Amino acid sequence: MAVDPSEYDKAMPIVAAHLAKIERAVSRTRASHAGQPYAAVHQALAEALRDEGAQRVVPQVVEELARQISGAVAGPSGAAG
């Protein structure tokens, strides 16, 4: 089944905006919750995604991101490293 290339061009700005919202939520959660217990990170990430209007994320992706943030150790500058 062929897809009209113009459909791709229409969809990409929407996809890019959604990904930017997710990235902001993850960055904010990483900055404030790196290395904290998984449950706290997962809750904070879910709230950050809601705040950004990006709550439509595959649950397994949210779980994996929370696991990564939880396992991260904040360095001297506050950045995960």
PDB file of N, CA and C in Angstrom:
ATOM      1  N   MET A   1       0.840  -1.179   0.000  1.00  0.00           N
ATOM      2  CA  MET A   1       0.000   0.000   0.000  1.00  0.00           C
ATOM      3  C   MET A   1       0.888   1.246   0.000  1.00  0.00           C
ATOM      4  N   ALA A   2       0.730   2.090  -0.977  1.00  0.00           N
ATOM      5  CA  ALA A   2       1.516   3.310  -1.091  1.00  0.00           C
ATOM      6  C   ALA A   2       0.927   4.404  -0.198  1.00  0.00           C
ATOM      7  N   VAL A   3       1.816   5.194   0.374  1.00  0.00           N
ATOM      8  CA  VAL A   3       1.411   6.304   1.224  1.00  0.00           C
ATOM      9  C   VAL A   3       1.797   7.596   0.523  1.00  0.00           C
ATOM     10  N   ASP A   4       0.901   8.526   0.526  1.00  0.00           N
ATOM     11  CA  ASP A   4       1.148   9.823  -0.088  1.00  0.00           C
ATOM     12  C   ASP A   4       2.247  10.551   0.700  1.00  0.00           C
ATOM     13  N   PRO A   5       3.342  10.955   0.035  1.00  0.00           N
ATOM     14  CA  PRO A   5       4.429  11.645   0.745  1.00  0.00           C
ATOM     15  C   PRO A   5       3.977  12.909   1.460  1.00  0.00           C
ATOM     16  N   SER A   6       2.930  13.545   0.990  1.00  0.00           N
ATOM     17  CA  SER A   6       2.467  14.758   1.654  1.00  0.00           C
ATOM     18  C   SER A   6       1.906  14.454   3.049  1.00  0.00           C
ATOM     19  N   GLU A   7       1.428  13.230   3.248  1.00  0.00           N
ATOM     20  CA  GLU A   7       0.947  12.839   4.578  1.00  0.00           C
ATOM     21  C   GLU A   7       2.104  12.818   5.572  1.00  0.00           C
ATOM     22  N   TYR A   8       3.244  12.348   5.118  1.00  0.00           N
ATOM     23  CA  TYR A   8       4.443  12.341   5.955  1.00  0.00           C
ATOM     24  C   TYR A   8       4.819  13.770   6.320  1.00  0.00           C
ATOM     25  N   ASP A   9       4.817  14.655   5.330  1.00  0.00           N
ATOM     26  CA  ASP A   9       5.180  16.050   5.565  1.00  0.00           C
ATOM     27  C   ASP A   9       4.225  16.722   6.540  1.00  0.00           C
ATOM     28  N   LYS A  10       2.964  16.340   6.513  1.00  0.00           N
ATOM     29  CA  LYS A  10       1.980  16.900   7.444  1.00  0.00           C
ATOM     30  C   LYS A  10       2.183  16.365   8.858  1.00  0.00           C
ATOM     31  N   ALA A  11       2.555  15.096   8.962  1.00  0.00           N
ATOM     32  CA  ALA A  11       2.653  14.448  10.270  1.00  0.00           C
ATOM     33  C   ALA A  11       3.940  14.800  11.018  1.00  0.00           C
ATOM     34  N   MET A  12       5.019  15.020  10.313  1.00  0.00           N
ATOM     35  CA  MET A  12       6.316  15.197  10.972  1.00  0.00           C
ATOM     36  C   MET A  12       6.359  16.359  11.968  1.00  0.00           C
ATOM     37  N   PRO A  13       5.812  17.518  11.684  1.00  0.00           N
ATOM     38  CA  PRO A  13       5.837  18.585  12.700  1.00  0.00           C
ATOM     39  C   PRO A  13       5.081  18.191  13.972  1.00  0.00           C
ATOM     40  N   ILE A  14       4.007  17.434  13.828  1.00  0.00           N
ATOM     41  CA  ILE A  14       3.229  16.986  14.984  1.00  0.00           C
ATOM     42  C   ILE A  14       4.056  15.993  15.805  1.00  0.00           C
ATOM     43  N   VAL A  15       4.700  15.067  15.117  1.00  0.00           N
ATOM     44  CA  VAL A  15       5.544  14.072  15.794  1.00  0.00           C
ATOM     45  C   VAL A  15       6.714  14.768  16.484  1.00  0.00           C
ATOM     46  N   ALA A  16       7.353  15.687  15.809  1.00  0.00           N
ATOM     47  CA  ALA A  16       8.499  16.402  16.383  1.00  0.00           C
ATOM     48  C   ALA A  16       8.093  17.188  17.631  1.00  0.00           C
ATOM     49  N   ALA A  17       6.941  17.822  17.600  1.00  0.00           N
ATOM     50  CA  ALA A  17       6.465  18.578  18.759  1.00  0.00           C
ATOM     51  C   ALA A  17       6.194  17.645  19.935  1.00  0.00           C
ATOM     52  N   HIS A  18       5.609  16.484  19.663  1.00  0.00           N
ATOM     53  CA  HIS A  18       5.328  15.517  20.722  1.00  0.00           C
ATOM     54  C   HIS A  18       6.641  14.999  21.330  1.00  0.00           C
ATOM     55  N   LEU A  19       7.611  14.690  20.485  1.00  0.00           N
ATOM     56  CA  LEU A  19       8.901  14.216  20.982  1.00  0.00           C
ATOM     57  C   LEU A  19       9.605  15.285  21.813  1.00  0.00           C
ATOM     58  N   ALA A  20       9.469  16.538  21.434  1.00  0.00           N
ATOM     59  CA  ALA A  20      10.072  17.623  22.214  1.00  0.00           C
ATOM     60  C   ALA A  20       9.443  17.701  23.606  1.00  0.00           C
ATOM     61  N   LYS A  21       8.142  17.485  23.688  1.00  0.00           N
ATOM     62  CA  LYS A  21       7.466  17.480  24.993  1.00  0.00           C
ATOM     63  C   LYS A  21       7.994  16.348  25.863  1.00  0.00           C
ATOM     64  N   ILE A  22       8.154  15.174  25.265  1.00  0.00           N
ATOM     65  CA  ILE A  22       8.672  14.018  26.004  1.00  0.00           C
ATOM     66  C   ILE A  22      10.092  14.314  26.482  1.00  0.00           C
ATOM     67  N   GLU A  23      10.908  14.877  25.603  1.00  0.00           N
ATOM     68  CA  GLU A  23      12.288  15.183  25.959  1.00  0.00           C
ATOM     69  C   GLU A  23      12.359  16.172  27.120  1.00  0.00           C
ATOM     70  N   ARG A  24      11.507  17.196  27.110  1.00  0.00           N
ATOM     71  CA  ARG A  24      11.485  18.158  28.218  1.00  0.00           C
ATOM     72  C   ARG A  24      11.100  17.476  29.528  1.00  0.00           C
ATOM     73  N   ALA A  25      10.093  16.608  29.469  1.00  0.00           N
ATOM     74  CA  ALA A  25       9.650  15.904  30.674  1.00  0.00           C
ATOM     75  C   ALA A  25      10.753  15.001  31.217  1.00  0.00           C
ATOM     76  N   VAL A  26      11.433  14.284  30.336  1.00  0.00           N
ATOM     77  CA  VAL A  26      12.510  13.386  30.766  1.00  0.00           C
ATOM     78  C   VAL A  26      13.672  14.199  31.339  1.00  0.00           C
ATOM     79  N   SER A  27      14.045  15.273  30.679  1.00  0.00           N
ATOM     80  CA  SER A  27      15.152  16.106  31.168  1.00  0.00           C
ATOM     81  C   SER A  27      14.851  16.682  32.541  1.00  0.00           C
ATOM     82  N   ARG A  28      13.639  17.176  32.703  1.00  0.00           N
ATOM     83  CA  ARG A  28      13.236  17.752  33.989  1.00  0.00           C
ATOM     84  C   ARG A  28      13.244  16.686  35.084  1.00  0.00           C
ATOM     85  N   THR A  29      12.738  15.507  34.764  1.00  0.00           N
ATOM     86  CA  THR A  29      12.704  14.426  35.756  1.00  0.00           C
ATOM     87  C   THR A  29      14.115  13.961  36.078  1.00  0.00           C
ATOM     88  N   ARG A  30      14.964  13.857  35.079  1.00  0.00           N
ATOM     89  CA  ARG A  30      16.352  13.435  35.315  1.00  0.00           C
ATOM     90  C   ARG A  30      17.063  14.447  36.216  1.00  0.00           C
ATOM     91  N   ALA A  31      16.835  15.724  35.971  1.00  0.00           N
ATOM     92  CA  ALA A  31      17.500  16.762  36.763  1.00  0.00           C
ATOM     93  C   ALA A  31      17.057  16.740  38.226  1.00  0.00           C
ATOM     94  N   SER A  32      15.810  16.406  38.466  1.00  0.00           N
ATOM     95  CA  SER A  32      15.293  16.461  39.835  1.00  0.00           C
ATOM     96  C   SER A  32      15.265  15.123  40.563  1.00  0.00           C
ATOM     97  N   HIS A  33      15.340  14.001  39.829  1.00  0.00           N
ATOM     98  CA  HIS A  33      15.142  12.704  40.471  1.00  0.00           C
ATOM     99  C   HIS A  33      16.210  11.648  40.155  1.00  0.00           C
ATOM    100  N   ALA A  34      17.312  12.025  39.519  1.00  0.00           N
ATOM    101  CA  ALA A  34      18.342  11.040  39.174  1.00  0.00           C
ATOM    102  C   ALA A  34      18.809  10.297  40.417  1.00  0.00           C
ATOM    103  N   GLY A  35      18.838   8.970  40.328  1.00  0.00           N
ATOM    104  CA  GLY A  35      19.321   8.146  41.416  1.00  0.00           C
ATOM    105  C   GLY A  35      18.303   7.848  42.505  1.00  0.00           C
ATOM    106  N   GLN A  36      17.115   8.411  42.414  1.00  0.00           N
ATOM    107  CA  GLN A  36      16.088   8.158  43.424  1.00  0.00           C
ATOM    108  C   GLN A  36      15.389   6.830  43.138  1.00  0.00           C
ATOM    109  N   PRO A  37      14.640   6.326  44.112  1.00  0.00           N
ATOM    110  CA  PRO A  37      13.941   5.044  43.908  1.00  0.00           C
ATOM    111  C   PRO A  37      13.018   5.080  42.692  1.00  0.00           C
ATOM    112  N   TYR A  38      12.899   3.917  42.039  1.00  0.00           N
ATOM    113  CA  TYR A  38      12.118   3.780  40.817  1.00  0.00           C
ATOM    114  C   TYR A  38      10.700   4.335  40.963  1.00  0.00           C
ATOM    115  N   ALA A  39      10.010   3.992  42.042  1.00  0.00           N
ATOM    116  CA  ALA A  39       8.609   4.418  42.203  1.00  0.00           C
ATOM    117  C   ALA A  39       8.486   5.941  42.200  1.00  0.00           C
ATOM    118  N   ALA A  40       9.405   6.608  42.879  1.00  0.00           N
ATOM    119  CA  ALA A  40       9.375   8.077  42.917  1.00  0.00           C
ATOM    120  C   ALA A  40       9.663   8.662  41.545  1.00  0.00           C
ATOM    121  N   VAL A  41      10.630   8.076  40.851  1.00  0.00           N
ATOM    122  CA  VAL A  41      10.987   8.555  39.513  1.00  0.00           C
ATOM    123  C   VAL A  41       9.829   8.330  38.548  1.00  0.00           C
ATOM    124  N   HIS A  42       9.227   7.149  38.613  1.00  0.00           N
ATOM    125  CA  HIS A  42       8.113   6.834  37.714  1.00  0.00           C
ATOM    126  C   HIS A  42       6.963   7.813  37.923  1.00  0.00           C
ATOM    127  N   GLN A  43       6.627   8.097  39.164  1.00  0.00           N
ATOM    128  CA  GLN A  43       5.545   9.043  39.456  1.00  0.00           C
ATOM    129  C   GLN A  43       5.897  10.449  38.965  1.00  0.00           C
ATOM    130  N   ALA A  44       7.130  10.875  39.228  1.00  0.00           N
ATOM    131  CA  ALA A  44       7.547  12.209  38.793  1.00  0.00           C
ATOM    132  C   ALA A  44       7.547  12.315  37.268  1.00  0.00           C
ATOM    133  N   LEU A  45       7.991  11.255  36.595  1.00  0.00           N
ATOM    134  CA  LEU A  45       8.012  11.269  35.136  1.00  0.00           C
ATOM    135  C   LEU A  45       6.589  11.311  34.580  1.00  0.00           C
ATOM    136  N   ALA A  46       5.701  10.524  35.149  1.00  0.00           N
ATOM    137  CA  ALA A  46       4.304  10.533  34.699  1.00  0.00           C
ATOM    138  C   ALA A  46       3.694  11.922  34.867  1.00  0.00           C
ATOM    139  N   GLU A  47       3.986  12.564  35.996  1.00  0.00           N
ATOM    140  CA  GLU A  47       3.468  13.918  36.233  1.00  0.00           C
ATOM    141  C   GLU A  47       4.078  14.919  35.248  1.00  0.00           C
ATOM    142  N   ALA A  48       5.374  14.797  34.988  1.00  0.00           N
ATOM    143  CA  ALA A  48       6.037  15.703  34.046  1.00  0.00           C
ATOM    144  C   ALA A  48       5.470  15.533  32.644  1.00  0.00           C
ATOM    145  N   LEU A  49       5.213  14.288  32.249  1.00  0.00           N
ATOM    146  CA  LEU A  49       4.613  14.041  30.935  1.00  0.00           C
ATOM    147  C   LEU A  49       3.215  14.663  30.861  1.00  0.00           C
ATOM    148  N   ARG A  50       2.437  14.523  31.929  1.00  0.00           N
ATOM    149  CA  ARG A  50       1.100  15.146  31.960  1.00  0.00           C
ATOM    150  C   ARG A  50       1.215  16.659  31.860  1.00  0.00           C
ATOM    151  N   ASP A  51       2.153  17.232  32.618  1.00  0.00           N
ATOM    152  CA  ASP A  51       2.349  18.686  32.593  1.00  0.00           C
ATOM    153  C   ASP A  51       2.694  19.181  31.195  1.00  0.00           C
ATOM    154  N   GLU A  52       3.438  18.387  30.460  1.00  0.00           N
ATOM    155  CA  GLU A  52       3.848  18.757  29.101  1.00  0.00           C
ATOM    156  C   GLU A  52       2.757  18.455  28.072  1.00  0.00           C
ATOM    157  N   GLY A  53       1.705  17.739  28.486  1.00  0.00           N
ATOM    158  CA  GLY A  53       0.674  17.345  27.533  1.00  0.00           C
ATOM    159  C   GLY A  53       1.131  16.186  26.664  1.00  0.00           C
ATOM    160  N   ALA A  54       2.013  15.359  27.207  1.00  0.00           N
ATOM    161  CA  ALA A  54       2.577  14.244  26.446  1.00  0.00           C
ATOM    162  C   ALA A  54       2.312  12.919  27.147  1.00  0.00           C
ATOM    163  N   GLN A  55       1.142  12.772  27.724  1.00  0.00           N
ATOM    164  CA  GLN A  55       0.848  11.555  28.476  1.00  0.00           C
ATOM    165  C   GLN A  55       0.643  10.340  27.585  1.00  0.00           C
ATOM    166  N   ARG A  56       0.510  10.517  26.289  1.00  0.00           N
ATOM    167  CA  ARG A  56       0.331   9.375  25.371  1.00  0.00           C
ATOM    168  C   ARG A  56       1.685   8.804  24.976  1.00  0.00           C
ATOM    169  N   VAL A  57       2.291   8.101  25.932  1.00  0.00           N
ATOM    170  CA  VAL A  57       3.571   7.441  25.709  1.00  0.00           C
ATOM    171  C   VAL A  57       3.369   5.977  26.079  1.00  0.00           C
ATOM    172  N   VAL A  58       3.937   5.089  25.295  1.00  0.00           N
ATOM    173  CA  VAL A  58       3.818   3.657  25.554  1.00  0.00           C
ATOM    174  C   VAL A  58       4.282   3.381  26.993  1.00  0.00           C
ATOM    175  N   PRO A  59       3.475   2.691  27.794  1.00  0.00           N
ATOM    176  CA  PRO A  59       3.832   2.459  29.204  1.00  0.00           C
ATOM    177  C   PRO A  59       5.213   1.824  29.393  1.00  0.00           C
ATOM    178  N   GLN A  60       5.588   0.911  28.522  1.00  0.00           N
ATOM    179  CA  GLN A  60       6.896   0.272  28.648  1.00  0.00           C
ATOM    180  C   GLN A  60       8.032   1.278  28.448  1.00  0.00           C
ATOM    181  N   VAL A  61       7.804   2.284  27.628  1.00  0.00           N
ATOM    182  CA  VAL A  61       8.813   3.324  27.412  1.00  0.00           C
ATOM    183  C   VAL A  61       8.958   4.155  28.680  1.00  0.00           C
ATOM    184  N   VAL A  62       7.835   4.516  29.290  1.00  0.00           N
ATOM    185  CA  VAL A  62       7.873   5.287  30.540  1.00  0.00           C
ATOM    186  C   VAL A  62       8.595   4.477  31.617  1.00  0.00           C
ATOM    187  N   GLU A  63       8.292   3.188  31.717  1.00  0.00           N
ATOM    188  CA  GLU A  63       8.938   2.327  32.708  1.00  0.00           C
ATOM    189  C   GLU A  63      10.446   2.266  32.485  1.00  0.00           C
ATOM    190  N   GLU A  64      10.874   2.100  31.243  1.00  0.00           N
ATOM    191  CA  GLU A  64      12.304   2.019  30.947  1.00  0.00           C
ATOM    192  C   GLU A  64      13.005   3.345  31.236  1.00  0.00           C
ATOM    193  N   LEU A  65      12.385   4.453  30.859  1.00  0.00           N
ATOM    194  CA  LEU A  65      12.976   5.758  31.155  1.00  0.00           C
ATOM    195  C   LEU A  65      13.096   5.956  32.664  1.00  0.00           C
ATOM    196  N   ALA A  66      12.056   5.580  33.411  1.00  0.00           N
ATOM    197  CA  ALA A  66      12.100   5.706  34.874  1.00  0.00           C
ATOM    198  C   ALA A  66      13.211   4.839  35.450  1.00  0.00           C
ATOM    199  N   ARG A  67      13.385   3.630  34.923  1.00  0.00           N
ATOM    200  CA  ARG A  67      14.467   2.739  35.381  1.00  0.00           C
ATOM    201  C   ARG A  67      15.834   3.379  35.129  1.00  0.00           C
ATOM    202  N   GLN A  68      16.002   3.952  33.944  1.00  0.00           N
ATOM    203  CA  GLN A  68      17.281   4.577  33.610  1.00  0.00           C
ATOM    204  C   GLN A  68      17.563   5.783  34.498  1.00  0.00           C
ATOM    205  N   ILE A  69      16.553   6.607  34.725  1.00  0.00           N
ATOM    206  CA  ILE A  69      16.726   7.792  35.566  1.00  0.00           C
ATOM    207  C   ILE A  69      16.991   7.362  37.014  1.00  0.00           C
ATOM    208  N   SER A  70      16.287   6.358  37.468  1.00  0.00           N
ATOM    209  CA  SER A  70      16.466   5.856  38.830  1.00  0.00           C
ATOM    210  C   SER A  70      17.876   5.322  39.037  1.00  0.00           C
ATOM    211  N   GLY A  71      18.401   4.664  38.029  1.00  0.00           N
ATOM    212  CA  GLY A  71      19.731   4.086  38.134  1.00  0.00           C
ATOM    213  C   GLY A  71      20.850   5.062  37.910  1.00  0.00           C
ATOM    214  N   ALA A  72      20.529   6.256  37.433  1.00  0.00           N
ATOM    215  CA  ALA A  72      21.548   7.259  37.147  1.00  0.00           C
ATOM    216  C   ALA A  72      22.086   7.850  38.452  1.00  0.00           C
ATOM    217  N   VAL A  73      23.360   8.132  38.443  1.00  0.00           N
ATOM    218  CA  VAL A  73      23.986   8.770  39.596  1.00  0.00           C
ATOM    219  C   VAL A  73      24.333  10.190  39.191  1.00  0.00           C
ATOM    220  N   ALA A  74      23.870  11.149  39.979  1.00  0.00           N
ATOM    221  CA  ALA A  74      24.133  12.553  39.676  1.00  0.00           C
ATOM    222  C   ALA A  74      25.599  12.864  39.937  1.00  0.00           C
ATOM    223  N   GLY A  75      26.221  13.536  38.991  1.00  0.00           N
ATOM    224  CA  GLY A  75      27.612  13.928  39.136  1.00  0.00           C
ATOM    225  C   GLY A  75      27.731  15.240  39.911  1.00  0.00           C
ATOM    226  N   PRO A  76      28.951  15.772  40.066  1.00  0.00           N
ATOM    227  CA  PRO A  76      29.154  17.013  40.836  1.00  0.00           C
ATOM    228  C   PRO A  76      28.385  18.194  40.263  1.00  0.00           C
ATOM    229  N   SER A  77      28.160  18.212  38.941  1.00  0.00           N
ATOM    230  CA  SER A  77      27.452  19.340  38.333  1.00  0.00           C
ATOM    231  C   SER A  77      25.953  19.126  38.342  1.00  0.00           C
ATOM    232  N   GLY A  78      25.495  17.999  38.891  1.00  0.00           N
ATOM    233  CA  GLY A  78      24.080  17.702  38.908  1.00  0.00           C
ATOM    234  C   GLY A  78      23.634  16.937  37.685  1.00  0.00           C
ATOM    235  N   ALA A  79      24.552  16.763  36.747  1.00  0.00           N
ATOM    236  CA  ALA A  79      24.207  16.020  35.519  1.00  0.00           C
ATOM    237  C   ALA A  79      24.430  14.535  35.759  1.00  0.00           C
ATOM    238  N   ALA A  80      23.580  13.752  35.138  1.00  0.00           N
ATOM    239  CA  ALA A  80      23.753  12.296  35.255  1.00  0.00           C
ATOM    240  C   ALA A  80      24.997  11.900  34.487  1.00  0.00           C
ATOM    241  N   GLY A  81      25.724  10.937  35.027  1.00  0.00           N
ATOM    242  CA  GLY A  81      26.937  10.599  34.314  1.00  0.00           C
ATOM    243  C   GLY A  81      27.342   9.203  34.426  1.00  0.00           C
TER     244      GLY A  81
END
